Amino acid sequence: MLVRRPKRKSAIVLYSRPQQYMQLKAAIIAVAVTGMTAVTLPAFALVQPTFAREAIMLVQRSLQNANSNPETKLDVLLRELANLEVEKAMLNIKQTSSNRAMQEIDSQIEALRNRIDEVQPQSSAVISNVVTEALVSKIAALEIENSLLEAYHTPYAEVVVFTENQIRSLWRRVASITPQNPKDVINPVVSSILDTEITTLKARRDSLAKRYTPDDIGEFLTIDLQLASLAQRLAFYNS
């Protein structure tokens, strides 16, 4: 005779003792990172549920032109410039301005700015808008990445700290473009993307709860950890 197993409660409730919770979390981490040679966003996307990959792709698509019209020469130049500005901000946390790599990027940025001015004179405002959009989109992507990382690591883990430093560097670059109040530029965009990710995660959690079995405990706990991390980040960007 088959006996139907009752649904289990959330992993956070089941493992209320800190020692049990950390032991389970360590076990999940061991399974999740087996065979991984580096902790990167693509690697984590492989072990994350579909909703996480879709959220990351959504942020990445925000860097692309929304309409279906062919790119103009100006569009291409602006996109290349924006990508270089993001790369420079990311590189800036571990390199000095005198470093050869930084000098090369600065040279490429200057050349692109000159080419853009040739195509569209007095393009400073256009450049600032496009670069700012790329920087803010990258901030949002890294904020989501950090919420995934914190499901597997402590806040003081090297990979988490490194991502936080990248976010700070991007913030500083936005502030250099819009010094009056960069929060007004960054917060609404990142807040909206984080809110969308939280809504998607909650829907995934509700769907999982309807068919919850002991085999799902790892995914369930991961979702709860991610929701907690995202909620903290959303509170910061809503402040």
Protein backbone atom coordinates (compact mmCIF):
# COMPACT_ATOMS: atom_id res chain seq x y z
CA MET A 1 0.00 0.00 0.00
CA LEU A 2 1.39 3.38 -1.02
CA VAL A 3 1.59 6.02 1.70
CA ARG A 4 1.54 9.64 0.57
CA ARG A 5 4.27 11.64 2.22
CA PRO A 6 3.14 14.93 3.76
CA LYS A 7 4.57 18.15 2.37
CA ARG A 8 7.51 19.47 4.29
CA LYS A 9 7.84 23.01 5.53
CA SER A 10 10.44 25.46 4.28
CA ALA A 11 14.05 24.43 4.84
CA ILE A 12 14.57 27.57 6.87
CA VAL A 13 11.87 26.45 9.32
CA LEU A 14 12.99 22.82 9.36
CA TYR A 15 16.57 23.71 10.19
CA SER A 16 16.08 26.39 12.80
CA ARG A 17 19.23 25.47 14.72
CA PRO A 18 22.26 27.34 13.35
CA GLN A 19 24.47 24.23 13.39
CA GLN A 20 21.98 22.15 11.40
CA TYR A 21 21.41 24.99 8.97
CA MET A 22 25.10 25.54 8.28
CA GLN A 23 25.74 21.80 7.90
CA LEU A 24 22.99 21.56 5.29
CA LYS A 25 24.20 24.69 3.52
CA ALA A 26 27.74 23.28 3.41
CA ALA A 27 26.43 20.05 1.89
CA ILE A 28 24.55 21.98 -0.81
CA ILE A 29 27.63 24.06 -1.59
CA ALA A 30 29.74 20.93 -1.97
CA VAL A 31 27.30 19.45 -4.47
CA ALA A 32 26.78 22.70 -6.36
CA VAL A 33 30.43 23.54 -6.94
CA THR A 34 31.72 20.01 -7.66
CA GLY A 35 33.84 20.07 -10.77
CA MET A 36 33.89 23.88 -11.04
CA THR A 37 37.37 25.30 -11.66
CA ALA A 38 36.40 28.95 -11.20
CA VAL A 39 33.58 30.82 -9.54
CA THR A 40 32.06 32.84 -12.37
CA LEU A 41 28.60 33.97 -13.32
CA PRO A 42 28.30 31.49 -16.23
CA ALA A 43 29.37 28.65 -13.95
CA PHE A 44 26.80 29.58 -11.35
CA ALA A 45 24.14 29.88 -14.02
CA LEU A 46 24.67 26.21 -14.78
CA VAL A 47 23.75 25.17 -11.24
CA GLN A 48 20.95 27.69 -10.80
CA PRO A 49 17.30 27.09 -11.69
CA THR A 50 15.93 28.48 -14.94
CA PHE A 51 14.54 31.61 -13.30
CA ALA A 52 18.03 32.82 -12.36
CA ARG A 53 19.43 32.36 -15.84
CA GLU A 54 16.44 34.16 -17.34
CA ALA A 55 16.88 37.09 -14.93
CA ILE A 56 20.54 37.45 -15.85
CA MET A 57 19.73 37.30 -19.55
CA LEU A 58 17.08 39.98 -19.04
CA VAL A 59 19.66 42.35 -17.57
CA GLN A 60 22.13 41.58 -20.35
CA ARG A 61 19.48 42.27 -23.00
CA SER A 62 18.92 45.72 -21.50
CA LEU A 63 22.29 46.71 -23.01
CA GLN A 64 21.04 45.96 -26.52
CA ASN A 65 19.02 48.21 -28.79
CA ALA A 66 15.32 47.72 -28.03
CA ASN A 67 14.09 48.21 -31.59
CA SER A 68 14.62 45.88 -34.53
CA ASN A 69 16.05 48.50 -36.89
CA PRO A 70 19.58 47.84 -38.19
CA GLU A 71 22.32 49.49 -36.15
CA THR A 72 23.76 52.69 -37.55
CA LYS A 73 27.46 53.47 -37.48
CA LEU A 74 26.80 55.74 -34.50
CA ASP A 75 24.99 52.93 -32.65
CA VAL A 76 27.95 50.59 -33.13
CA LEU A 77 30.47 53.17 -31.95
CA LEU A 78 28.40 54.06 -28.90
CA ARG A 79 28.00 50.39 -27.96
CA GLU A 80 31.73 49.78 -28.28
CA LEU A 81 32.45 52.83 -26.15
CA ALA A 82 29.96 51.78 -23.47
CA ASN A 83 31.46 48.29 -23.30
CA LEU A 84 34.94 49.75 -22.88
CA GLU A 85 33.75 52.08 -20.11
CA VAL A 86 32.28 49.11 -18.24
CA GLU A 87 35.48 47.11 -18.78
CA LYS A 88 37.57 49.97 -17.49
CA ALA A 89 35.46 50.35 -14.35
CA MET A 90 35.73 46.60 -13.68
CA LEU A 91 39.48 46.59 -14.28
CA ASN A 92 39.98 49.64 -12.11
CA ILE A 93 39.60 47.67 -8.86
CA LYS A 94 42.81 45.70 -9.45
CA GLN A 95 44.86 47.90 -11.74
CA THR A 96 46.33 51.38 -11.43
CA SER A 97 45.79 54.14 -13.95
CA SER A 98 49.43 53.81 -15.03
CA ASN A 99 49.02 50.12 -15.81
CA ARG A 100 49.49 49.20 -19.46
CA ALA A 101 46.03 47.60 -19.74
CA MET A 102 44.38 50.74 -18.38
CA GLN A 103 46.40 52.91 -20.73
CA GLU A 104 45.31 50.82 -23.70
CA ILE A 105 41.63 51.07 -22.71
CA ASP A 106 41.95 54.84 -22.21
CA SER A 107 43.51 55.13 -25.65
CA GLN A 108 40.68 53.10 -27.23
CA ILE A 109 38.05 55.18 -25.42
CA GLU A 110 39.62 58.44 -26.61
CA ALA A 111 39.77 57.15 -30.20
CA LEU A 112 36.12 56.09 -30.10
CA ARG A 113 35.04 59.44 -28.69
CA ASN A 114 36.83 61.20 -31.54
CA ARG A 115 35.17 58.94 -34.12
CA ILE A 116 31.76 59.54 -32.54
CA ASP A 117 32.33 63.32 -32.68
CA GLU A 118 33.09 62.97 -36.39
CA VAL A 119 29.82 61.10 -36.99
CA GLN A 120 27.75 63.32 -34.69
CA PRO A 121 29.36 66.57 -33.51
CA GLN A 122 28.65 67.77 -29.96
CA SER A 123 27.76 64.25 -28.86
CA SER A 124 28.78 64.57 -25.21
CA ALA A 125 25.22 64.26 -23.90
CA VAL A 126 24.49 61.20 -26.05
CA ILE A 127 27.73 59.54 -24.94
CA SER A 128 27.00 60.22 -21.28
CA ASN A 129 23.51 58.70 -21.53
CA VAL A 130 24.65 55.54 -23.31
CA VAL A 131 27.63 54.97 -21.04
CA THR A 132 25.55 55.55 -17.92
CA GLU A 133 22.93 53.08 -19.10
CA ALA A 134 25.61 50.42 -19.66
CA LEU A 135 27.19 51.04 -16.25
CA VAL A 136 23.86 50.88 -14.42
CA SER A 137 22.84 47.71 -16.26
CA LYS A 138 26.12 46.11 -15.20
CA ILE A 139 25.50 47.14 -11.60
CA ALA A 140 22.11 45.42 -11.71
CA ALA A 141 23.62 42.26 -13.20
CA LEU A 142 26.29 42.14 -10.50
CA GLU A 143 23.73 42.71 -7.74
CA ILE A 144 21.84 39.63 -8.96
CA GLU A 145 25.09 37.70 -9.26
CA ASN A 146 25.98 38.56 -5.67
CA SER A 147 22.62 37.30 -4.44
CA LEU A 148 23.42 33.96 -6.11
CA LEU A 149 26.95 33.90 -4.68
CA GLU A 150 25.72 34.60 -1.15
CA ALA A 151 23.56 31.49 -1.34
CA TYR A 152 26.78 29.49 -1.43
CA HIS A 153 29.28 31.70 0.39
CA THR A 154 29.56 33.91 3.46
CA PRO A 155 29.47 37.69 2.88
CA TYR A 156 33.23 37.74 3.56
CA ALA A 157 34.16 35.16 0.94
CA GLU A 158 36.74 36.42 -1.54
CA VAL A 159 34.44 36.04 -4.56
CA VAL A 160 31.64 37.99 -2.84
CA VAL A 161 33.99 40.78 -1.73
CA PHE A 162 35.44 40.96 -5.26
CA THR A 163 31.97 41.39 -6.78
CA GLU A 164 31.10 44.04 -4.19
CA ASN A 165 34.25 45.95 -5.14
CA GLN A 166 33.25 45.78 -8.80
CA ILE A 167 29.85 47.26 -7.92
CA ARG A 168 31.52 50.08 -5.98
CA SER A 169 33.83 50.85 -8.89
CA LEU A 170 30.87 51.04 -11.28
CA TRP A 171 29.06 53.32 -8.84
CA ARG A 172 32.07 55.66 -8.74
CA ARG A 173 32.16 55.82 -12.53
CA VAL A 174 28.45 56.70 -12.70
CA ALA A 175 29.02 59.34 -10.02
CA SER A 176 31.79 60.88 -12.12
CA ILE A 177 29.33 61.26 -15.01
CA THR A 178 26.34 62.43 -12.94
CA PRO A 179 27.94 63.96 -9.82
CA GLN A 180 24.82 65.80 -8.62
CA ASN A 181 23.02 62.69 -7.38
CA PRO A 182 24.01 59.32 -8.86
CA LYS A 183 21.46 57.55 -6.65
CA ASP A 184 18.64 59.11 -8.67
CA VAL A 185 20.12 57.53 -11.79
CA ILE A 186 21.09 54.12 -10.38
CA ASN A 187 18.52 53.26 -7.72
CA PRO A 188 15.27 53.22 -9.75
CA VAL A 189 16.72 50.96 -12.45
CA VAL A 190 18.44 48.48 -10.14
CA SER A 191 15.48 48.47 -7.75
CA SER A 192 13.10 47.58 -10.56
CA ILE A 193 15.29 44.71 -11.77
CA LEU A 194 15.78 43.34 -8.25
CA ASP A 195 12.04 43.55 -7.61
CA THR A 196 11.36 41.59 -10.79
CA GLU A 197 13.88 38.93 -9.75
CA ILE A 198 12.26 38.62 -6.31
CA THR A 199 8.80 38.24 -7.85
CA THR A 200 10.10 35.51 -10.17
CA LEU A 201 11.83 33.71 -7.31
CA LYS A 202 8.70 33.78 -5.16
CA ALA A 203 6.64 32.36 -8.00
CA ARG A 204 9.22 29.58 -8.40
CA ARG A 205 9.12 28.89 -4.66
CA ASP A 206 5.31 28.72 -4.63
CA SER A 207 5.36 26.32 -7.57
CA LEU A 208 7.95 24.13 -5.86
CA ALA A 209 5.98 24.10 -2.60
CA LYS A 210 3.03 22.45 -4.35
CA ARG A 211 5.08 19.35 -5.13
CA TYR A 212 7.67 19.59 -2.38
CA THR A 213 9.56 16.40 -1.45
CA PRO A 214 12.77 15.78 0.52
CA ASP A 215 14.61 15.63 -2.80
CA ASP A 216 13.83 19.32 -3.36
CA ILE A 217 15.31 20.54 -0.09
CA GLY A 218 18.51 21.86 -1.72
CA GLU A 219 16.67 23.98 -4.28
CA PHE A 220 14.17 25.16 -1.68
CA LEU A 221 16.89 26.31 0.71
CA THR A 222 18.81 28.01 -2.10
CA ILE A 223 15.70 29.99 -3.07
CA ASP A 224 15.18 31.12 0.53
CA LEU A 225 18.80 32.24 0.80
CA GLN A 226 18.60 34.13 -2.48
CA LEU A 227 15.33 35.81 -1.48
CA ALA A 228 16.88 36.98 1.79
CA SER A 229 19.91 38.41 -0.02
CA LEU A 230 17.82 40.09 -2.72
CA ALA A 231 15.50 41.61 -0.08
CA GLN A 232 18.49 43.23 1.65
CA ARG A 233 19.78 44.65 -1.62
CA LEU A 234 16.34 45.91 -2.61
CA ALA A 235 15.99 47.68 0.74
CA PHE A 236 19.28 49.49 0.09
CA TYR A 237 18.22 50.65 -3.37
CA ASN A 238 14.79 51.72 -2.08
CA SER A 239 16.29 53.80 0.73
